Amino acid sequence: MIRSKYIIFDDGDKGLPVVFSPLLQHNQVAAGKPVISAGYCDVRVKIEGDEKTTEWDVWGKSTSLRKSCRPVEDKEILNQYLRYDCL
């Protein structure tokens, strides 16, 4: 698993995810734009039969933005936008 940070930006809909290096602060990446939630994430390969896909997990909170992760909603958004099939 690879630990990263993420932000869900307010796009007027469900939200737009951005995943980035843990070396950056959440507020640096947010740059004053509206944020719904933020925290930590990692991606792992999920194997179902012969198919391999990625699956994201989320947890924690951003102290610099004072925003927490929303475990169910954020995971769904990251998986919707950033899931891919592994070859």
PDB file of N, CA and C in Angstrom:
ATOM      1  N   MET A   1       0.830  -1.189   0.000  1.00  0.00           N
ATOM      2  CA  MET A   1       0.000   0.000   0.000  1.00  0.00           C
ATOM      3  C   MET A   1       0.875   1.254   0.000  1.00  0.00           C
ATOM      4  N   ILE A   2       0.368   2.277  -0.638  1.00  0.00           N
ATOM      5  CA  ILE A   2       1.080   3.539  -0.721  1.00  0.00           C
ATOM      6  C   ILE A   2       0.262   4.603   0.002  1.00  0.00           C
ATOM      7  N   ARG A   3       0.813   5.198   1.037  1.00  0.00           N
ATOM      8  CA  ARG A   3       0.108   6.222   1.807  1.00  0.00           C
ATOM      9  C   ARG A   3       0.297   7.585   1.149  1.00  0.00           C
ATOM     10  N   SER A   4      -0.803   8.246   0.891  1.00  0.00           N
ATOM     11  CA  SER A   4      -0.793   9.579   0.300  1.00  0.00           C
ATOM     12  C   SER A   4      -1.783  10.445   1.054  1.00  0.00           C
ATOM     13  N   LYS A   5      -1.867  11.701   0.650  1.00  0.00           N
ATOM     14  CA  LYS A   5      -2.888  12.604   1.169  1.00  0.00           C
ATOM     15  C   LYS A   5      -3.874  12.879   0.047  1.00  0.00           C
ATOM     16  N   TYR A   6      -5.074  13.305   0.430  1.00  0.00           N
ATOM     17  CA  TYR A   6      -6.071  13.661  -0.582  1.00  0.00           C
ATOM     18  C   TYR A   6      -6.934  14.815  -0.090  1.00  0.00           C
ATOM     19  N   ILE A   7      -7.555  15.467  -1.055  1.00  0.00           N
ATOM     20  CA  ILE A   7      -8.547  16.511  -0.816  1.00  0.00           C
ATOM     21  C   ILE A   7      -9.710  16.244  -1.754  1.00  0.00           C
ATOM     22  N   ILE A   8     -10.925  16.465  -1.266  1.00  0.00           N
ATOM     23  CA  ILE A   8     -12.100  16.480  -2.139  1.00  0.00           C
ATOM     24  C   ILE A   8     -12.514  17.942  -2.253  1.00  0.00           C
ATOM     25  N   PHE A   9     -12.321  18.503  -3.445  1.00  0.00           N
ATOM     26  CA  PHE A   9     -12.695  19.890  -3.694  1.00  0.00           C
ATOM     27  C   PHE A   9     -14.181  19.990  -4.001  1.00  0.00           C
ATOM     28  N   ASP A  10     -14.781  21.091  -3.600  1.00  0.00           N
ATOM     29  CA  ASP A  10     -16.186  21.364  -3.881  1.00  0.00           C
ATOM     30  C   ASP A  10     -16.308  21.814  -5.334  1.00  0.00           C
ATOM     31  N   ASP A  11     -16.949  20.989  -6.148  1.00  0.00           N
ATOM     32  CA  ASP A  11     -17.152  21.306  -7.559  1.00  0.00           C
ATOM     33  C   ASP A  11     -18.628  21.549  -7.877  1.00  0.00           C
ATOM     34  N   GLY A  12     -19.440  21.708  -6.833  1.00  0.00           N
ATOM     35  CA  GLY A  12     -20.864  21.915  -7.025  1.00  0.00           C
ATOM     36  C   GLY A  12     -21.634  20.629  -7.218  1.00  0.00           C
ATOM     37  N   ASP A  13     -20.932  19.499  -7.211  1.00  0.00           N
ATOM     38  CA  ASP A  13     -21.567  18.189  -7.377  1.00  0.00           C
ATOM     39  C   ASP A  13     -21.088  17.301  -6.229  1.00  0.00           C
ATOM     40  N   LYS A  14     -20.682  16.064  -6.513  1.00  0.00           N
ATOM     41  CA  LYS A  14     -20.206  15.150  -5.473  1.00  0.00           C
ATOM     42  C   LYS A  14     -18.854  15.545  -4.912  1.00  0.00           C
ATOM     43  N   GLY A  15     -18.038  16.209  -5.717  1.00  0.00           N
ATOM     44  CA  GLY A  15     -16.699  16.590  -5.308  1.00  0.00           C
ATOM     45  C   GLY A  15     -15.660  16.067  -6.278  1.00  0.00           C
ATOM     46  N   LEU A  16     -14.533  16.745  -6.320  1.00  0.00           N
ATOM     47  CA  LEU A  16     -13.444  16.400  -7.229  1.00  0.00           C
ATOM     48  C   LEU A  16     -12.213  16.027  -6.403  1.00  0.00           C
ATOM     49  N   PRO A  17     -11.710  14.781  -6.540  1.00  0.00           N
ATOM     50  CA  PRO A  17     -10.584  14.342  -5.718  1.00  0.00           C
ATOM     51  C   PRO A  17      -9.232  14.723  -6.307  1.00  0.00           C
ATOM     52  N   VAL A  18      -8.295  15.027  -5.414  1.00  0.00           N
ATOM     53  CA  VAL A  18      -6.898  15.228  -5.778  1.00  0.00           C
ATOM     54  C   VAL A  18      -6.066  14.456  -4.761  1.00  0.00           C
ATOM     55  N   VAL A  19      -5.187  13.590  -5.255  1.00  0.00           N
ATOM     56  CA  VAL A  19      -4.291  12.805  -4.406  1.00  0.00           C
ATOM     57  C   VAL A  19      -2.884  13.362  -4.595  1.00  0.00           C
ATOM     58  N   PHE A  20      -2.133  13.475  -3.482  1.00  0.00           N
ATOM     59  CA  PHE A  20      -0.816  14.090  -3.582  1.00  0.00           C
ATOM     60  C   PHE A  20       0.139  13.549  -2.523  1.00  0.00           C
ATOM     61  N   SER A  21       1.383  13.968  -2.635  1.00  0.00           N
ATOM     62  CA  SER A  21       2.461  13.502  -1.770  1.00  0.00           C
ATOM     63  C   SER A  21       2.212  13.870  -0.308  1.00  0.00           C
ATOM     64  N   PRO A  22       2.574  12.970   0.606  1.00  0.00           N
ATOM     65  CA  PRO A  22       2.449  13.283   2.030  1.00  0.00           C
ATOM     66  C   PRO A  22       3.467  14.331   2.491  1.00  0.00           C
ATOM     67  N   LEU A  23       4.385  14.714   1.628  1.00  0.00           N
ATOM     68  CA  LEU A  23       5.360  15.750   1.981  1.00  0.00           C
ATOM     69  C   LEU A  23       4.757  17.150   1.919  1.00  0.00           C
ATOM     70  N   LEU A  24       3.625  17.287   1.233  1.00  0.00           N
ATOM     71  CA  LEU A  24       2.938  18.574   1.132  1.00  0.00           C
ATOM     72  C   LEU A  24       1.873  18.693   2.210  1.00  0.00           C
ATOM     73  N   GLN A  25       1.560  19.916   2.596  1.00  0.00           N
ATOM     74  CA  GLN A  25       0.466  20.176   3.523  1.00  0.00           C
ATOM     75  C   GLN A  25      -0.841  20.275   2.730  1.00  0.00           C
ATOM     76  N   HIS A  26      -1.935  19.849   3.349  1.00  0.00           N
ATOM     77  CA  HIS A  26      -3.235  19.949   2.687  1.00  0.00           C
ATOM     78  C   HIS A  26      -3.539  21.390   2.261  1.00  0.00           C
ATOM     79  N   ASN A  27      -3.257  22.351   3.137  1.00  0.00           N
ATOM     80  CA  ASN A  27      -3.603  23.740   2.820  1.00  0.00           C
ATOM     81  C   ASN A  27      -2.757  24.306   1.677  1.00  0.00           C
ATOM     82  N   GLN A  28      -1.557  23.760   1.456  1.00  0.00           N
ATOM     83  CA  GLN A  28      -0.745  24.181   0.304  1.00  0.00           C
ATOM     84  C   GLN A  28      -1.424  23.775  -0.999  1.00  0.00           C
ATOM     85  N   VAL A  29      -1.939  22.569  -1.030  1.00  0.00           N
ATOM     86  CA  VAL A  29      -2.585  22.059  -2.238  1.00  0.00           C
ATOM     87  C   VAL A  29      -3.949  22.712  -2.436  1.00  0.00           C
ATOM     88  N   ALA A  30      -4.668  22.942  -1.359  1.00  0.00           N
ATOM     89  CA  ALA A  30      -5.991  23.566  -1.462  1.00  0.00           C
ATOM     90  C   ALA A  30      -5.904  24.989  -1.982  1.00  0.00           C
ATOM     91  N   ALA A  31      -4.858  25.698  -1.608  1.00  0.00           N
ATOM     92  CA  ALA A  31      -4.601  27.059  -2.095  1.00  0.00           C
ATOM     93  C   ALA A  31      -5.835  27.961  -2.007  1.00  0.00           C
ATOM     94  N   GLY A  32      -6.593  27.830  -0.911  1.00  0.00           N
ATOM     95  CA  GLY A  32      -7.741  28.700  -0.689  1.00  0.00           C
ATOM     96  C   GLY A  32      -9.021  28.314  -1.411  1.00  0.00           C
ATOM     97  N   LYS A  33      -8.992  27.248  -2.199  1.00  0.00           N
ATOM     98  CA  LYS A  33     -10.199  26.794  -2.907  1.00  0.00           C
ATOM     99  C   LYS A  33     -11.114  26.058  -1.934  1.00  0.00           C
ATOM    100  N   PRO A  34     -12.423  26.018  -2.209  1.00  0.00           N
ATOM    101  CA  PRO A  34     -13.361  25.354  -1.296  1.00  0.00           C
ATOM    102  C   PRO A  34     -13.137  23.841  -1.223  1.00  0.00           C
ATOM    103  N   VAL A  35     -13.052  23.324  -0.009  1.00  0.00           N
ATOM    104  CA  VAL A  35     -12.774  21.911   0.238  1.00  0.00           C
ATOM    105  C   VAL A  35     -13.927  21.291   1.013  1.00  0.00           C
ATOM    106  N   ILE A  36     -14.354  20.122   0.577  1.00  0.00           N
ATOM    107  CA  ILE A  36     -15.417  19.377   1.263  1.00  0.00           C
ATOM    108  C   ILE A  36     -14.821  18.533   2.391  1.00  0.00           C
ATOM    109  N   SER A  37     -13.750  17.795   2.064  1.00  0.00           N
ATOM    110  CA  SER A  37     -13.135  16.904   3.038  1.00  0.00           C
ATOM    111  C   SER A  37     -11.679  16.666   2.660  1.00  0.00           C
ATOM    112  N   ALA A  38     -10.917  16.114   3.613  1.00  0.00           N
ATOM    113  CA  ALA A  38      -9.498  15.847   3.367  1.00  0.00           C
ATOM    114  C   ALA A  38      -9.002  14.818   4.370  1.00  0.00           C
ATOM    115  N   GLY A  39      -7.943  14.130   3.994  1.00  0.00           N
ATOM    116  CA  GLY A  39      -7.357  13.142   4.883  1.00  0.00           C
ATOM    117  C   GLY A  39      -6.229  12.399   4.209  1.00  0.00           C
ATOM    118  N   TYR A  40      -6.083  11.145   4.584  1.00  0.00           N
ATOM    119  CA  TYR A  40      -5.046  10.273   4.051  1.00  0.00           C
ATOM    120  C   TYR A  40      -5.697   9.161   3.248  1.00  0.00           C
ATOM    121  N   CYS A  41      -4.922   8.599   2.315  1.00  0.00           N
ATOM    122  CA  CYS A  41      -5.464   7.530   1.484  1.00  0.00           C
ATOM    123  C   CYS A  41      -4.350   6.594   1.046  1.00  0.00           C
ATOM    124  N   ASP A  42      -4.745   5.428   0.626  1.00  0.00           N
ATOM    125  CA  ASP A  42      -3.827   4.520  -0.042  1.00  0.00           C
ATOM    126  C   ASP A  42      -4.611   3.714  -1.062  1.00  0.00           C
ATOM    127  N   VAL A  43      -3.879   3.126  -1.960  1.00  0.00           N
ATOM    128  CA  VAL A  43      -4.485   2.335  -3.023  1.00  0.00           C
ATOM    129  C   VAL A  43      -3.883   0.937  -2.964  1.00  0.00           C
ATOM    130  N   ARG A  44      -4.720  -0.033  -3.222  1.00  0.00           N
ATOM    131  CA  ARG A  44      -4.243  -1.418  -3.256  1.00  0.00           C
ATOM    132  C   ARG A  44      -4.870  -2.110  -4.446  1.00  0.00           C
ATOM    133  N   VAL A  45      -4.273  -3.221  -4.845  1.00  0.00           N
ATOM    134  CA  VAL A  45      -4.810  -4.002  -5.947  1.00  0.00           C
ATOM    135  C   VAL A  45      -5.816  -4.989  -5.374  1.00  0.00           C
ATOM    136  N   LYS A  46      -7.004  -4.972  -5.950  1.00  0.00           N
ATOM    137  CA  LYS A  46      -8.084  -5.869  -5.534  1.00  0.00           C
ATOM    138  C   LYS A  46      -8.207  -6.964  -6.590  1.00  0.00           C
ATOM    139  N   ILE A  47      -8.170  -8.219  -6.176  1.00  0.00           N
ATOM    140  CA  ILE A  47      -8.240  -9.339  -7.112  1.00  0.00           C
ATOM    141  C   ILE A  47      -9.574 -10.042  -6.944  1.00  0.00           C
ATOM    142  N   GLU A  48     -10.322 -10.108  -8.045  1.00  0.00           N
ATOM    143  CA  GLU A  48     -11.596 -10.838  -8.084  1.00  0.00           C
ATOM    144  C   GLU A  48     -11.555 -11.761  -9.283  1.00  0.00           C
ATOM    145  N   GLY A  49     -11.327 -13.048  -9.025  1.00  0.00           N
ATOM    146  CA  GLY A  49     -11.192 -13.997 -10.133  1.00  0.00           C
ATOM    147  C   GLY A  49      -9.949 -13.664 -10.939  1.00  0.00           C
ATOM    148  N   ASP A  50     -10.139 -13.457 -12.237  1.00  0.00           N
ATOM    149  CA  ASP A  50      -9.020 -13.102 -13.115  1.00  0.00           C
ATOM    150  C   ASP A  50      -8.840 -11.595 -13.244  1.00  0.00           C
ATOM    151  N   GLU A  51      -9.725 -10.820 -12.642  1.00  0.00           N
ATOM    152  CA  GLU A  51      -9.658  -9.373 -12.773  1.00  0.00           C
ATOM    153  C   GLU A  51      -8.914  -8.745 -11.595  1.00  0.00           C
ATOM    154  N   LYS A  52      -8.077  -7.764 -11.933  1.00  0.00           N
ATOM    155  CA  LYS A  52      -7.352  -6.994 -10.924  1.00  0.00           C
ATOM    156  C   LYS A  52      -7.688  -5.524 -11.138  1.00  0.00           C
ATOM    157  N   THR A  53      -8.172  -4.887 -10.093  1.00  0.00           N
ATOM    158  CA  THR A  53      -8.474  -3.464 -10.145  1.00  0.00           C
ATOM    159  C   THR A  53      -7.888  -2.800  -8.902  1.00  0.00           C
ATOM    160  N   THR A  54      -7.842  -1.492  -8.936  1.00  0.00           N
ATOM    161  CA  THR A  54      -7.384  -0.775  -7.743  1.00  0.00           C
ATOM    162  C   THR A  54      -8.580  -0.453  -6.868  1.00  0.00           C
ATOM    163  N   GLU A  55      -8.305  -0.306  -5.594  1.00  0.00           N
ATOM    164  CA  GLU A  55      -9.337   0.126  -4.656  1.00  0.00           C
ATOM    165  C   GLU A  55      -8.683   1.073  -3.651  1.00  0.00           C
ATOM    166  N   TRP A  56      -9.330   2.211  -3.425  1.00  0.00           N
ATOM    167  CA  TRP A  56      -8.824   3.237  -2.526  1.00  0.00           C
ATOM    168  C   TRP A  56      -9.430   3.086  -1.144  1.00  0.00           C
ATOM    169  N   ASP A  57      -8.638   3.393  -0.125  1.00  0.00           N
ATOM    170  CA  ASP A  57      -9.096   3.476   1.260  1.00  0.00           C
ATOM    171  C   ASP A  57      -8.753   4.869   1.775  1.00  0.00           C
ATOM    172  N   VAL A  58      -9.582   5.395   2.670  1.00  0.00           N
ATOM    173  CA  VAL A  58      -9.371   6.739   3.217  1.00  0.00           C
ATOM    174  C   VAL A  58      -9.507   6.704   4.737  1.00  0.00           C
ATOM    175  N   TRP A  59      -8.823   7.641   5.392  1.00  0.00           N
ATOM    176  CA  TRP A  59      -8.920   7.761   6.853  1.00  0.00           C
ATOM    177  C   TRP A  59      -8.343   9.105   7.283  1.00  0.00           C
ATOM    178  N   GLY A  60      -8.536   9.436   8.526  1.00  0.00           N
ATOM    179  CA  GLY A  60      -7.880  10.583   9.144  1.00  0.00           C
ATOM    180  C   GLY A  60      -8.491  11.931   8.829  1.00  0.00           C
ATOM    181  N   LYS A  61      -7.664  12.959   9.031  1.00  0.00           N
ATOM    182  CA  LYS A  61      -8.128  14.326   8.831  1.00  0.00           C
ATOM    183  C   LYS A  61      -6.954  15.227   8.497  1.00  0.00           C
ATOM    184  N   SER A  62      -7.277  16.413   8.039  1.00  0.00           N
ATOM    185  CA  SER A  62      -6.284  17.444   7.763  1.00  0.00           C
ATOM    186  C   SER A  62      -6.323  18.461   8.889  1.00  0.00           C
ATOM    187  N   THR A  63      -5.225  18.593   9.598  1.00  0.00           N
ATOM    188  CA  THR A  63      -5.173  19.602  10.651  1.00  0.00           C
ATOM    189  C   THR A  63      -5.026  21.001  10.059  1.00  0.00           C
ATOM    190  N   SER A  64      -4.325  21.115   8.928  1.00  0.00           N
ATOM    191  CA  SER A  64      -4.114  22.439   8.338  1.00  0.00           C
ATOM    192  C   SER A  64      -5.394  23.022   7.729  1.00  0.00           C
ATOM    193  N   LEU A  65      -6.327  22.145   7.307  1.00  0.00           N
ATOM    194  CA  LEU A  65      -7.610  22.614   6.748  1.00  0.00           C
ATOM    195  C   LEU A  65      -8.759  22.488   7.744  1.00  0.00           C
ATOM    196  N   ARG A  66      -8.512  21.766   8.832  1.00  0.00           N
ATOM    197  CA  ARG A  66      -9.578  21.468   9.799  1.00  0.00           C
ATOM    198  C   ARG A  66     -10.751  20.751   9.128  1.00  0.00           C
ATOM    199  N   LYS A  67     -10.409  19.776   8.298  1.00  0.00           N
ATOM    200  CA  LYS A  67     -11.407  18.953   7.609  1.00  0.00           C
ATOM    201  C   LYS A  67     -11.087  17.495   7.876  1.00  0.00           C
ATOM    202  N   SER A  68     -12.126  16.681   8.024  1.00  0.00           N
ATOM    203  CA  SER A  68     -11.969  15.245   8.226  1.00  0.00           C
ATOM    204  C   SER A  68     -12.349  14.492   6.959  1.00  0.00           C
ATOM    205  N   CYS A  69     -11.928  13.241   6.912  1.00  0.00           N
ATOM    206  CA  CYS A  69     -12.367  12.390   5.810  1.00  0.00           C
ATOM    207  C   CYS A  69     -13.801  11.955   6.070  1.00  0.00           C
ATOM    208  N   ARG A  70     -14.492  11.648   5.026  1.00  0.00           N
ATOM    209  CA  ARG A  70     -15.817  11.034   5.100  1.00  0.00           C
ATOM    210  C   ARG A  70     -15.620   9.626   4.558  1.00  0.00           C
ATOM    211  N   PRO A  71     -15.470   8.632   5.423  1.00  0.00           N
ATOM    212  CA  PRO A  71     -15.036   7.303   4.985  1.00  0.00           C
ATOM    213  C   PRO A  71     -15.814   6.712   3.813  1.00  0.00           C
ATOM    214  N   VAL A  72     -17.102   6.744   3.857  1.00  0.00           N
ATOM    215  CA  VAL A  72     -17.889   6.122   2.794  1.00  0.00           C
ATOM    216  C   VAL A  72     -17.895   6.980   1.530  1.00  0.00           C
ATOM    217  N   GLU A  73     -18.237   8.251   1.665  1.00  0.00           N
ATOM    218  CA  GLU A  73     -18.371   9.134   0.508  1.00  0.00           C
ATOM    219  C   GLU A  73     -17.047   9.356  -0.206  1.00  0.00           C
ATOM    220  N   ASP A  74     -15.981   9.623   0.552  1.00  0.00           N
ATOM    221  CA  ASP A  74     -14.684   9.905  -0.061  1.00  0.00           C
ATOM    222  C   ASP A  74     -14.124   8.679  -0.769  1.00  0.00           C
ATOM    223  N   LYS A  75     -14.254   7.522  -0.144  1.00  0.00           N
ATOM    224  CA  LYS A  75     -13.793   6.284  -0.782  1.00  0.00           C
ATOM    225  C   LYS A  75     -14.521   6.069  -2.103  1.00  0.00           C
ATOM    226  N   GLU A  76     -15.816   6.296  -2.099  1.00  0.00           N
ATOM    227  CA  GLU A  76     -16.618   6.144  -3.320  1.00  0.00           C
ATOM    228  C   GLU A  76     -16.142   7.111  -4.415  1.00  0.00           C
ATOM    229  N   ILE A  77     -15.869   8.355  -4.046  1.00  0.00           N
ATOM    230  CA  ILE A  77     -15.420   9.357  -5.024  1.00  0.00           C
ATOM    231  C   ILE A  77     -14.045   8.994  -5.580  1.00  0.00           C
ATOM    232  N   LEU A  78     -13.106   8.625  -4.720  1.00  0.00           N
ATOM    233  CA  LEU A  78     -11.782   8.235  -5.216  1.00  0.00           C
ATOM    234  C   LEU A  78     -11.868   7.020  -6.119  1.00  0.00           C
ATOM    235  N   ASN A  79     -12.673   6.032  -5.737  1.00  0.00           N
ATOM    236  CA  ASN A  79     -12.812   4.846  -6.573  1.00  0.00           C
ATOM    237  C   ASN A  79     -13.509   5.163  -7.896  1.00  0.00           C
ATOM    238  N   GLN A  80     -14.456   6.072  -7.880  1.00  0.00           N
ATOM    239  CA  GLN A  80     -15.149   6.445  -9.112  1.00  0.00           C
ATOM    240  C   GLN A  80     -14.197   7.145 -10.086  1.00  0.00           C
ATOM    241  N   TYR A  81     -13.407   8.082  -9.597  1.00  0.00           N
ATOM    242  CA  TYR A  81     -12.547   8.876 -10.469  1.00  0.00           C
ATOM    243  C   TYR A  81     -11.190   8.239 -10.743  1.00  0.00           C
ATOM    244  N   LEU A  82     -10.655   7.461  -9.788  1.00  0.00           N
ATOM    245  CA  LEU A  82      -9.262   7.033  -9.878  1.00  0.00           C
ATOM    246  C   LEU A  82      -9.060   5.524  -9.926  1.00  0.00           C
ATOM    247  N   ARG A  83     -10.106   4.744 -10.000  1.00  0.00           N
ATOM    248  CA  ARG A  83      -9.960   3.293 -10.100  1.00  0.00           C
ATOM    249  C   ARG A  83      -9.525   2.918 -11.512  1.00  0.00           C
ATOM    250  N   TYR A  84      -8.669   1.934 -11.614  1.00  0.00           N
ATOM    251  CA  TYR A  84      -8.274   1.464 -12.924  1.00  0.00           C
ATOM    252  C   TYR A  84      -8.017  -0.026 -12.902  1.00  0.00           C
ATOM    253  N   ASP A  85      -8.091  -0.631 -14.091  1.00  0.00           N
ATOM    254  CA  ASP A  85      -7.818  -2.053 -14.234  1.00  0.00           C
ATOM    255  C   ASP A  85      -6.318  -2.264 -14.340  1.00  0.00           C
ATOM    256  N   CYS A  86      -5.823  -3.279 -13.664  1.00  0.00           N
ATOM    257  CA  CYS A  86      -4.402  -3.595 -13.716  1.00  0.00           C
ATOM    258  C   CYS A  86      -4.178  -4.647 -14.794  1.00  0.00           C
ATOM    259  N   LEU A  87      -3.129  -4.505 -15.508  1.00  0.00           N
ATOM    260  CA  LEU A  87      -2.809  -5.480 -16.568  1.00  0.00           C
ATOM    261  C   LEU A  87      -2.030  -6.644 -16.036  1.00  0.00           C
TER     262      LEU A  87
END
